[in-house]
PDB file of N, CA and C in Angstrom:
ATOM      1  N   MET A   1      -8.707 -57.599  39.750  1.00  0.00           N
ATOM      2  CA  MET A   1      -9.907 -57.507  40.584  1.00  0.00           C
ATOM      3  C   MET A   1      -9.480 -57.025  41.912  1.00  0.00           C
ATOM      4  N   ASN A   2     -10.391 -56.137  42.701  1.00  0.00           N
ATOM      5  CA  ASN A   2     -10.127 -55.763  44.000  1.00  0.00           C
ATOM      6  C   ASN A   2     -10.430 -56.781  44.934  1.00  0.00           C
ATOM      7  N   GLU A   3      -9.532 -57.232  45.931  1.00  0.00           N
ATOM      8  CA  GLU A   3      -9.770 -58.333  46.703  1.00  0.00           C
ATOM      9  C   GLU A   3     -10.326 -57.837  48.090  1.00  0.00           C
ATOM     10  N   THR A   4     -10.790 -56.586  48.271  1.00  0.00           N
ATOM     11  CA  THR A   4     -11.512 -56.057  49.450  1.00  0.00           C
ATOM     12  C   THR A   4     -12.811 -56.693  49.349  1.00  0.00           C
ATOM     13  N   THR A   5     -13.365 -57.224  50.625  1.00  0.00           N
ATOM     14  CA  THR A   5     -14.652 -57.886  50.548  1.00  0.00           C
ATOM     15  C   THR A   5     -15.530 -57.002  51.644  1.00  0.00           C
ATOM     16  N   LYS A   6     -16.753 -57.088  51.412  1.00  0.00           N
ATOM     17  CA  LYS A   6     -17.827 -56.433  52.104  1.00  0.00           C
ATOM     18  C   LYS A   6     -18.885 -57.297  52.426  1.00  0.00           C
ATOM     19  N   LYS A   7     -19.510 -57.385  53.588  1.00  0.00           N
ATOM     20  CA  LYS A   7     -20.663 -58.135  53.826  1.00  0.00           C
ATOM     21  C   LYS A   7     -21.923 -57.355  53.454  1.00  0.00           C
ATOM     22  N   LEU A   8     -22.832 -58.100  52.590  1.00  0.00           N
ATOM     23  CA  LEU A   8     -23.961 -57.552  52.245  1.00  0.00           C
ATOM     24  C   LEU A   8     -25.158 -58.324  52.709  1.00  0.00           C
ATOM     25  N   GLU A   9     -26.242 -57.733  53.024  1.00  0.00           N
ATOM     26  CA  GLU A   9     -27.470 -58.393  53.377  1.00  0.00           C
ATOM     27  C   GLU A   9     -28.336 -58.562  52.221  1.00  0.00           C
ATOM     28  N   ILE A  10     -28.466 -59.742  51.577  1.00  0.00           N
ATOM     29  CA  ILE A  10     -29.093 -59.971  50.438  1.00  0.00           C
ATOM     30  C   ILE A  10     -30.129 -61.053  50.661  1.00  0.00           C
ATOM     31  N   SER A  11     -31.355 -60.919  50.336  1.00  0.00           N
ATOM     32  CA  SER A  11     -32.406 -61.983  50.341  1.00  0.00           C
ATOM     33  C   SER A  11     -32.030 -63.212  49.486  1.00  0.00           C
ATOM     34  N   THR A  12     -32.683 -64.313  49.778  1.00  0.00           N
ATOM     35  CA  THR A  12     -32.513 -65.440  48.994  1.00  0.00           C
ATOM     36  C   THR A  12     -32.960 -65.255  47.599  1.00  0.00           C
ATOM     37  N   SER A  13     -34.012 -64.529  47.389  1.00  0.00           N
ATOM     38  CA  SER A  13     -34.550 -64.320  46.053  1.00  0.00           C
ATOM     39  C   SER A  13     -33.711 -63.320  45.303  1.00  0.00           C
ATOM     40  N   GLU A  14     -33.055 -62.351  45.876  1.00  0.00           N
ATOM     41  CA  GLU A  14     -32.046 -61.505  45.280  1.00  0.00           C
ATOM     42  C   GLU A  14     -30.768 -62.203  44.909  1.00  0.00           C
ATOM     43  N   LEU A  15     -30.397 -63.132  45.788  1.00  0.00           N
ATOM     44  CA  LEU A  15     -29.154 -64.002  45.534  1.00  0.00           C
ATOM     45  C   LEU A  15     -29.507 -64.878  44.284  1.00  0.00           C
ATOM     46  N   ASP A  16     -30.813 -65.477  44.276  1.00  0.00           N
ATOM     47  CA  ASP A  16     -31.157 -66.319  43.049  1.00  0.00           C
ATOM     48  C   ASP A  16     -31.043 -65.490  41.765  1.00  0.00           C
ATOM     49  N   LEU A  17     -31.531 -64.161  41.855  1.00  0.00           N
ATOM     50  CA  LEU A  17     -31.717 -63.270  40.726  1.00  0.00           C
ATOM     51  C   LEU A  17     -30.186 -63.052  40.213  1.00  0.00           C
ATOM     52  N   ILE A  18     -29.282 -62.680  41.139  1.00  0.00           N
ATOM     53  CA  ILE A  18     -27.907 -62.566  40.795  1.00  0.00           C
ATOM     54  C   ILE A  18     -27.304 -63.733  40.125  1.00  0.00           C
ATOM     55  N   ALA A  19     -27.514 -64.825  40.652  1.00  0.00           N
ATOM     56  CA  ALA A  19     -26.922 -66.111  40.198  1.00  0.00           C
ATOM     57  C   ALA A  19     -27.451 -66.263  38.710  1.00  0.00           C
ATOM     58  N   ASN A  20     -28.739 -66.134  38.481  1.00  0.00           N
ATOM     59  CA  ASN A  20     -29.329 -66.249  37.145  1.00  0.00           C
ATOM     60  C   ASN A  20     -28.736 -65.254  36.165  1.00  0.00           C
ATOM     61  N   ALA A  21     -28.612 -64.044  36.600  1.00  0.00           N
ATOM     62  CA  ALA A  21     -27.922 -63.043  35.824  1.00  0.00           C
ATOM     63  C   ALA A  21     -26.492 -63.411  35.505  1.00  0.00           C
ATOM     64  N   LEU A  22     -25.685 -64.008  36.391  1.00  0.00           N
ATOM     65  CA  LEU A  22     -24.294 -64.401  36.200  1.00  0.00           C
ATOM     66  C   LEU A  22     -24.428 -65.516  35.249  1.00  0.00           C
ATOM     67  N   GLU A  23     -25.276 -66.548  35.237  1.00  0.00           N
ATOM     68  CA  GLU A  23     -25.265 -67.693  34.381  1.00  0.00           C
ATOM     69  C   GLU A  23     -25.581 -67.196  32.871  1.00  0.00           C
ATOM     70  N   THR A  24     -26.514 -66.255  32.845  1.00  0.00           N
ATOM     71  CA  THR A  24     -26.792 -65.667  31.540  1.00  0.00           C
ATOM     72  C   THR A  24     -25.468 -64.958  30.813  1.00  0.00           C
ATOM     73  N   GLN A  25     -24.982 -64.165  31.759  1.00  0.00           N
ATOM     74  CA  GLN A  25     -23.662 -63.518  31.257  1.00  0.00           C
ATOM     75  C   GLN A  25     -22.632 -64.468  30.871  1.00  0.00           C
ATOM     76  N   SER A  26     -22.581 -65.413  31.589  1.00  0.00           N
ATOM     77  CA  SER A  26     -21.501 -66.526  31.360  1.00  0.00           C
ATOM     78  C   SER A  26     -21.901 -67.211  29.890  1.00  0.00           C
ATOM     79  N   LYS A  27     -23.139 -67.419  29.670  1.00  0.00           N
ATOM     80  CA  LYS A  27     -23.494 -68.043  28.329  1.00  0.00           C
ATOM     81  C   LYS A  27     -23.104 -66.965  27.183  1.00  0.00           C
ATOM     82  N   ILE A  28     -23.448 -65.657  27.397  1.00  0.00           N
ATOM     83  CA  ILE A  28     -23.051 -64.679  26.391  1.00  0.00           C
ATOM     84  C   ILE A  28     -21.431 -64.631  26.029  1.00  0.00           C
ATOM     85  N   LEU A  29     -20.731 -64.462  27.224  1.00  0.00           N
ATOM     86  CA  LEU A  29     -19.356 -64.574  27.197  1.00  0.00           C
ATOM     87  C   LEU A  29     -18.728 -65.883  26.523  1.00  0.00           C
ATOM     88  N   ARG A  30     -19.305 -66.823  26.781  1.00  0.00           N
ATOM     89  CA  ARG A  30     -18.919 -68.156  26.171  1.00  0.00           C
ATOM     90  C   ARG A  30     -18.978 -68.143  24.593  1.00  0.00           C
ATOM     91  N   MET A  31     -19.994 -67.586  24.234  1.00  0.00           N
ATOM     92  CA  MET A  31     -20.340 -67.339  22.711  1.00  0.00           C
ATOM     93  C   MET A  31     -19.264 -66.389  22.235  1.00  0.00           C
ATOM     94  N   GLN A  32     -19.077 -65.355  22.882  1.00  0.00           N
ATOM     95  CA  GLN A  32     -18.145 -64.245  22.430  1.00  0.00           C
ATOM     96  C   GLN A  32     -16.697 -64.956  22.319  1.00  0.00           C
ATOM     97  N   ALA A  33     -16.455 -65.693  23.359  1.00  0.00           N
ATOM     98  CA  ALA A  33     -15.112 -66.224  23.535  1.00  0.00           C
ATOM     99  C   ALA A  33     -14.849 -67.263  22.222  1.00  0.00           C
ATOM    100  N   SER A  34     -15.802 -68.099  22.033  1.00  0.00           N
ATOM    101  CA  SER A  34     -15.689 -69.006  20.957  1.00  0.00           C
ATOM    102  C   SER A  34     -15.642 -68.405  19.459  1.00  0.00           C
ATOM    103  N   ALA A  35     -16.213 -67.084  19.436  1.00  0.00           N
ATOM    104  CA  ALA A  35     -16.071 -66.400  18.301  1.00  0.00           C
ATOM    105  C   ALA A  35     -14.791 -65.533  18.142  1.00  0.00           C
ATOM    106  N   GLY A  36     -13.895 -65.698  19.087  1.00  0.00           N
ATOM    107  CA  GLY A  36     -12.726 -64.984  19.139  1.00  0.00           C
ATOM    108  C   GLY A  36     -12.748 -63.627  19.657  1.00  0.00           C
ATOM    109  N   GLY A  37     -13.679 -63.312  20.481  1.00  0.00           N
ATOM    110  CA  GLY A  37     -14.017 -62.051  21.058  1.00  0.00           C
ATOM    111  C   GLY A  37     -12.831 -61.700  21.943  1.00  0.00           C
ATOM    112  N   HIS A  38     -12.150 -60.425  21.717  1.00  0.00           N
ATOM    113  CA  HIS A  38     -11.073 -59.893  22.567  1.00  0.00           C
ATOM    114  C   HIS A  38     -11.494 -59.755  23.949  1.00  0.00           C
ATOM    115  N   GLY A  39     -10.752 -60.475  24.836  1.00  0.00           N
ATOM    116  CA  GLY A  39     -10.984 -60.208  26.272  1.00  0.00           C
ATOM    117  C   GLY A  39     -12.129 -60.979  26.835  1.00  0.00           C
ATOM    118  N   ALA A  40     -12.993 -61.778  25.998  1.00  0.00           N
ATOM    119  CA  ALA A  40     -14.212 -62.417  26.390  1.00  0.00           C
ATOM    120  C   ALA A  40     -13.737 -63.606  27.350  1.00  0.00           C
ATOM    121  N   LEU A  41     -12.707 -64.153  27.001  1.00  0.00           N
ATOM    122  CA  LEU A  41     -12.232 -65.532  27.900  1.00  0.00           C
ATOM    123  C   LEU A  41     -11.879 -65.092  29.266  1.00  0.00           C
ATOM    124  N   SER A  42     -11.175 -63.839  29.322  1.00  0.00           N
ATOM    125  CA  SER A  42     -10.756 -63.509  30.589  1.00  0.00           C
ATOM    126  C   SER A  42     -12.057 -63.136  31.547  1.00  0.00           C
ATOM    127  N   ARG A  43     -12.890 -62.347  30.898  1.00  0.00           N
ATOM    128  CA  ARG A  43     -14.086 -61.916  31.535  1.00  0.00           C
ATOM    129  C   ARG A  43     -14.995 -63.217  31.870  1.00  0.00           C
ATOM    130  N   LEU A  44     -14.915 -64.164  31.058  1.00  0.00           N
ATOM    131  CA  LEU A  44     -15.706 -65.389  31.350  1.00  0.00           C
ATOM    132  C   LEU A  44     -15.213 -66.075  32.578  1.00  0.00           C
ATOM    133  N   ASN A  45     -13.936 -66.092  32.575  1.00  0.00           N
ATOM    134  CA  ASN A  45     -13.311 -66.681  33.889  1.00  0.00           C
ATOM    135  C   ASN A  45     -13.631 -65.945  35.175  1.00  0.00           C
ATOM    136  N   ASP A  46     -13.562 -64.587  35.117  1.00  0.00           N
ATOM    137  CA  ASP A  46     -14.130 -63.787  36.162  1.00  0.00           C
ATOM    138  C   ASP A  46     -15.439 -64.132  36.620  1.00  0.00           C
ATOM    139  N   VAL A  47     -16.356 -64.102  35.646  1.00  0.00           N
ATOM    140  CA  VAL A  47     -17.794 -64.465  35.912  1.00  0.00           C
ATOM    141  C   VAL A  47     -18.041 -65.785  36.576  1.00  0.00           C
ATOM    142  N   LYS A  48     -17.228 -66.868  35.930  1.00  0.00           N
ATOM    143  CA  LYS A  48     -17.297 -68.179  36.415  1.00  0.00           C
ATOM    144  C   LYS A  48     -16.875 -68.150  38.011  1.00  0.00           C
ATOM    145  N   ARG A  49     -15.720 -67.494  38.220  1.00  0.00           N
ATOM    146  CA  ARG A  49     -15.371 -67.435  39.637  1.00  0.00           C
ATOM    147  C   ARG A  49     -16.393 -66.727  40.616  1.00  0.00           C
ATOM    148  N   LEU A  50     -16.888 -65.695  40.097  1.00  0.00           N
ATOM    149  CA  LEU A  50     -18.021 -64.966  40.777  1.00  0.00           C
ATOM    150  C   LEU A  50     -19.226 -65.836  40.998  1.00  0.00           C
ATOM    151  N   LEU A  51     -19.670 -66.556  39.953  1.00  0.00           N
ATOM    152  CA  LEU A  51     -20.689 -67.308  39.994  1.00  0.00           C
ATOM    153  C   LEU A  51     -20.622 -68.627  41.015  1.00  0.00           C
ATOM    154  N   ALA A  52     -19.363 -69.079  41.084  1.00  0.00           N
ATOM    155  CA  ALA A  52     -19.150 -70.225  41.979  1.00  0.00           C
ATOM    156  C   ALA A  52     -19.196 -69.640  43.560  1.00  0.00           C
ATOM    157  N   THR A  53     -18.712 -68.354  43.703  1.00  0.00           N
ATOM    158  CA  THR A  53     -18.913 -67.754  45.059  1.00  0.00           C
ATOM    159  C   THR A  53     -20.309 -67.587  45.430  1.00  0.00           C
ATOM    160  N   VAL A  54     -21.143 -66.959  44.553  1.00  0.00           N
ATOM    161  CA  VAL A  54     -22.506 -66.792  44.617  1.00  0.00           C
ATOM    162  C   VAL A  54     -23.206 -68.059  44.880  1.00  0.00           C
ATOM    163  N   SER A  55     -22.898 -69.110  44.110  1.00  0.00           N
ATOM    164  CA  SER A  55     -23.570 -70.370  44.232  1.00  0.00           C
ATOM    165  C   SER A  55     -23.209 -70.895  45.628  1.00  0.00           C
ATOM    166  N   SER A  56     -22.081 -70.869  46.092  1.00  0.00           N
ATOM    167  CA  SER A  56     -21.768 -71.460  47.475  1.00  0.00           C
ATOM    168  C   SER A  56     -22.486 -70.663  48.527  1.00  0.00           C
ATOM    169  N   GLN A  57     -22.644 -69.312  48.447  1.00  0.00           N
ATOM    170  CA  GLN A  57     -23.338 -68.469  49.315  1.00  0.00           C
ATOM    171  C   GLN A  57     -24.867 -68.900  49.372  1.00  0.00           C
ATOM    172  N   ARG A  58     -25.266 -69.188  48.194  1.00  0.00           N
ATOM    173  CA  ARG A  58     -26.705 -69.732  48.031  1.00  0.00           C
ATOM    174  C   ARG A  58     -27.000 -70.939  48.745  1.00  0.00           C
ATOM    175  N   GLU A  59     -25.920 -71.901  48.641  1.00  0.00           N
ATOM    176  CA  GLU A  59     -26.057 -73.012  49.333  1.00  0.00           C
ATOM    177  C   GLU A  59     -25.970 -72.926  50.833  1.00  0.00           C
ATOM    178  N   ASN A  60     -25.141 -71.976  51.320  1.00  0.00           N
ATOM    179  CA  ASN A  60     -24.976 -71.746  52.643  1.00  0.00           C
ATOM    180  C   ASN A  60     -26.326 -71.157  53.366  1.00  0.00           C
ATOM    181  N   THR A  61     -26.801 -70.178  52.602  1.00  0.00           N
ATOM    182  CA  THR A  61     -28.089 -69.544  53.143  1.00  0.00           C
ATOM    183  C   THR A  61     -29.226 -70.586  53.184  1.00  0.00           C
ATOM    184  N   GLY A  62     -29.225 -71.555  52.378  1.00  0.00           N
ATOM    185  CA  GLY A  62     -30.375 -72.496  52.472  1.00  0.00           C
ATOM    186  C   GLY A  62     -30.283 -73.515  53.646  1.00  0.00           C
ATOM    187  N   ASN A  63     -29.012 -73.729  54.094  1.00  0.00           N
ATOM    188  CA  ASN A  63     -28.790 -74.602  55.231  1.00  0.00           C
ATOM    189  C   ASN A  63     -28.941 -73.954  56.626  1.00  0.00           C
ATOM    190  N   ARG A  64     -28.981 -72.630  56.656  1.00  0.00           N
ATOM    191  CA  ARG A  64     -29.177 -71.992  57.909  1.00  0.00           C
ATOM    192  C   ARG A  64     -30.529 -71.922  58.383  1.00  0.00           C
ATOM    193  N   ARG A  65     -30.719 -72.169  59.765  1.00  0.00           N
ATOM    194  CA  ARG A  65     -32.039 -72.110  60.344  1.00  0.00           C
ATOM    195  C   ARG A  65     -32.181 -70.705  60.893  1.00  0.00           C
ATOM    196  N   PRO A  66     -33.444 -70.139  60.847  1.00  0.00           N
ATOM    197  CA  PRO A  66     -33.620 -68.967  61.350  1.00  0.00           C
ATOM    198  C   PRO A  66     -33.386 -68.865  63.000  1.00  0.00           C
ATOM    199  N   GLU A  67     -33.078 -67.688  63.287  1.00  0.00           N
ATOM    200  CA  GLU A  67     -32.717 -67.419  64.746  1.00  0.00           C
ATOM    201  C   GLU A  67     -33.934 -67.480  65.434  1.00  0.00           C
ATOM    202  N   PRO A  68     -34.045 -68.304  66.842  1.00  0.00           N
ATOM    203  CA  PRO A  68     -35.249 -68.344  67.565  1.00  0.00           C
ATOM    204  C   PRO A  68     -35.505 -66.997  67.975  1.00  0.00           C
ATOM    205  N   SER A  69     -36.905 -66.672  68.184  1.00  0.00           N
ATOM    206  CA  SER A  69     -37.154 -65.434  68.766  1.00  0.00           C
ATOM    207  C   SER A  69     -38.144 -65.598  69.818  1.00  0.00           C
ATOM    208  N   GLY A  70     -38.483 -64.502  70.653  1.00  0.00           N
ATOM    209  CA  GLY A  70     -39.410 -64.771  71.679  1.00  0.00           C
ATOM    210  C   GLY A  70     -38.816 -65.569  72.740  1.00  0.00           C
ATOM    211  N   LEU A  71     -39.790 -66.315  73.500  1.00  0.00           N
ATOM    212  CA  LEU A  71     -39.304 -67.210  74.540  1.00  0.00           C
ATOM    213  C   LEU A  71     -38.265 -68.258  74.213  1.00  0.00           C
ATOM    214  N   TRP A  72     -38.280 -68.882  72.956  1.00  0.00           N
ATOM    215  CA  TRP A  72     -37.289 -69.740  72.584  1.00  0.00           C
ATOM    216  C   TRP A  72     -35.859 -69.133  72.499  1.00  0.00           C
ATOM    217  N   GLY A  73     -35.849 -67.744  71.924  1.00  0.00           N
ATOM    218  CA  GLY A  73     -34.599 -67.139  71.954  1.00  0.00           C
ATOM    219  C   GLY A  73     -34.071 -66.950  73.326  1.00  0.00           C
ATOM    220  N   ILE A  74     -34.808 -66.548  74.102  1.00  0.00           N
ATOM    221  CA  ILE A  74     -34.455 -66.332  75.495  1.00  0.00           C
ATOM    222  C   ILE A  74     -33.858 -67.523  76.144  1.00  0.00           C
ATOM    223  N   LEU A  75     -34.659 -68.523  76.111  1.00  0.00           N
ATOM    224  CA  LEU A  75     -34.301 -69.922  76.690  1.00  0.00           C
ATOM    225  C   LEU A  75     -32.828 -70.316  75.951  1.00  0.00           C
ATOM    226  N   ARG A  76     -32.717 -70.256  74.718  1.00  0.00           N
ATOM    227  CA  ARG A  76     -31.536 -70.657  74.041  1.00  0.00           C
ATOM    228  C   ARG A  76     -30.309 -69.784  74.663  1.00  0.00           C
ATOM    229  N   SER A  77     -30.511 -68.462  74.675  1.00  0.00           N
ATOM    230  CA  SER A  77     -29.336 -67.686  75.172  1.00  0.00           C
ATOM    231  C   SER A  77     -29.127 -68.030  76.623  1.00  0.00           C
ATOM    232  N   MET A  78     -30.065 -68.477  77.388  1.00  0.00           N
ATOM    233  CA  MET A  78     -29.870 -68.685  78.887  1.00  0.00           C
ATOM    234  C   MET A  78     -29.007 -70.111  78.881  1.00  0.00           C
ATOM    235  N   ARG A  79     -29.406 -71.009  77.904  1.00  0.00           N
ATOM    236  CA  ARG A  79     -28.708 -72.181  77.869  1.00  0.00           C
ATOM    237  C   ARG A  79     -27.203 -72.170  77.510  1.00  0.00           C
ATOM    238  N   GLN A  80     -26.988 -71.201  76.551  1.00  0.00           N
ATOM    239  CA  GLN A  80     -25.603 -70.944  76.088  1.00  0.00           C
ATOM    240  C   GLN A  80     -24.800 -70.361  77.184  1.00  0.00           C
ATOM    241  N   ALA A  81     -25.428 -69.563  78.071  1.00  0.00           N
ATOM    242  CA  ALA A  81     -24.635 -68.701  78.971  1.00  0.00           C
ATOM    243  C   ALA A  81     -24.146 -69.591  80.069  1.00  0.00           C
ATOM    244  N   THR A  82     -24.796 -70.786  80.323  1.00  0.00           N
ATOM    245  CA  THR A  82     -24.311 -71.751  81.357  1.00  0.00           C
ATOM    246  C   THR A  82     -23.321 -72.652  80.946  1.00  0.00           C
TER     247      THR A  82
END
């Protein structure tokens, strides 16, 4: 796997869709691996690692508060500047 990372802007609904697709792929690969499919176990491990990464990102995005805008944003930036 290539270890180069990039930041992507993905909405919460898109992240949920990706996680659901990876869970489905994981189930398919689990069945193939149990049937002795060549390379399925290796791919299953890769998908599980990726799913863990996506799941942790999903948890992090749920905990973030939106940046204040308008007057509140100005007041906050003034408070941080002092």
